[in-house]
Protein backbone atom coordinates (compact mmCIF):
# COMPACT_ATOMS: atom_id res chain seq x y z
CA MET A 1 -22.26 -31.93 12.17
CA PRO A 2 -24.53 -31.88 9.11
CA ASP A 3 -27.47 -31.06 11.36
CA ILE A 4 -25.68 -27.89 12.58
CA VAL A 5 -23.44 -26.66 9.74
CA ILE A 6 -25.22 -25.49 6.58
CA ASP A 7 -22.04 -24.81 4.61
CA TRP A 8 -18.36 -24.01 5.06
CA TYR A 9 -15.41 -22.95 2.95
CA TRP A 10 -11.86 -21.70 3.26
CA SER A 11 -9.53 -19.56 1.19
CA ARG A 12 -6.12 -17.99 1.35
CA ASN A 13 -5.83 -14.21 1.65
CA LEU A 14 -5.22 -13.02 -1.91
CA THR A 15 -3.85 -9.67 -0.76
CA LEU A 16 -1.70 -10.76 2.17
CA ASP A 17 1.31 -8.76 1.01
CA SER A 18 -0.28 -5.95 -0.98
CA ARG A 19 -2.73 -4.97 1.77
CA SER A 20 -0.69 -5.85 4.82
CA ASP A 21 -1.55 -2.46 6.31
CA VAL A 22 -5.16 -3.59 6.85
CA ASN A 23 -5.25 -7.40 6.96
CA GLN A 24 -3.20 -7.82 10.16
CA GLY A 25 -1.19 -10.62 8.55
CA PHE A 26 -4.05 -13.12 8.37
CA SER A 27 -3.12 -15.54 5.60
CA HIS A 28 -6.28 -17.68 5.47
CA LEU A 29 -9.96 -17.56 6.34
CA VAL A 30 -12.55 -20.14 7.16
CA VAL A 31 -16.27 -19.39 7.00
CA VAL A 32 -18.77 -21.69 8.67
CA LYS A 33 -22.43 -20.98 7.90
CA LEU A 34 -24.94 -21.88 10.59
CA LYS A 35 -28.71 -21.38 10.66
CA ASP A 36 -28.95 -19.21 13.76
CA THR A 37 -27.47 -18.42 17.19
CA LYS A 38 -29.02 -21.59 18.64
CA HIS A 39 -26.93 -23.62 16.20
CA LEU A 40 -23.85 -21.52 17.05
CA GLU A 41 -24.31 -22.47 20.70
CA GLN A 42 -24.43 -26.14 19.66
CA TYR A 43 -21.48 -25.82 17.26
CA LEU A 44 -18.96 -24.24 19.63
CA PRO A 45 -18.78 -27.13 22.15
CA HIS A 46 -19.47 -29.87 19.56
CA PRO A 47 -16.88 -32.70 19.79
CA GLU A 48 -16.12 -32.50 16.04
CA HIS A 49 -15.47 -28.75 16.29
CA ILE A 50 -13.20 -29.30 19.30
CA LYS A 51 -11.35 -32.05 17.41
CA LEU A 52 -10.81 -29.76 14.41
CA LYS A 53 -9.49 -26.98 16.65
CA GLU A 54 -7.02 -29.41 18.22
CA LEU A 55 -5.80 -30.52 14.78
CA GLN A 56 -5.43 -26.96 13.49
CA GLY A 57 -4.04 -25.49 16.69
CA PRO A 58 -0.36 -26.18 16.01
CA LEU A 59 -0.71 -24.71 12.50
CA ILE A 60 -2.30 -21.43 13.58
CA GLU A 61 -0.15 -18.55 14.74
CA LYS A 62 -3.10 -16.27 15.51
CA ILE A 63 -6.84 -16.33 15.02
CA MET A 64 -9.72 -13.87 14.77
CA VAL A 65 -13.26 -15.13 15.25
CA LEU A 66 -16.27 -13.15 14.07
CA ASP A 67 -19.89 -14.21 14.58
CA TRP A 68 -22.67 -12.37 12.75
CA ILE A 69 -26.14 -12.79 11.34
CA GLU A 70 -26.12 -12.64 7.55
CA GLY A 71 -28.09 -9.76 6.11
CA GLU A 72 -28.48 -8.02 9.45
CA ASN A 73 -27.65 -4.32 9.32
CA SER A 74 -25.36 -4.06 12.33
CA MET A 75 -25.29 -0.25 12.20
CA GLU A 76 -28.99 -0.19 13.15
CA ASN A 77 -28.31 -2.36 16.18
CA THR A 78 -25.51 -0.37 17.77
CA SER A 79 -25.26 2.83 19.72
CA MET A 80 -22.95 4.36 17.08
């Protein structure tokens, strides 16, 4: 998927125990950087992404997915 994914990385949650009141027990994170929403639409159904989800599935107890545009001030784009 080099034509879709700009960069990606993963890390463990460094404060899993000490901040358990706010991190909902998530032990790891994965960040996938894409160019824009068009590439997100291509990434989600991509066979390599599906394959990775199938491999990781048995290892994941729960998951949270967040999609955002880097640098965008979300407070300006909401009714809050």
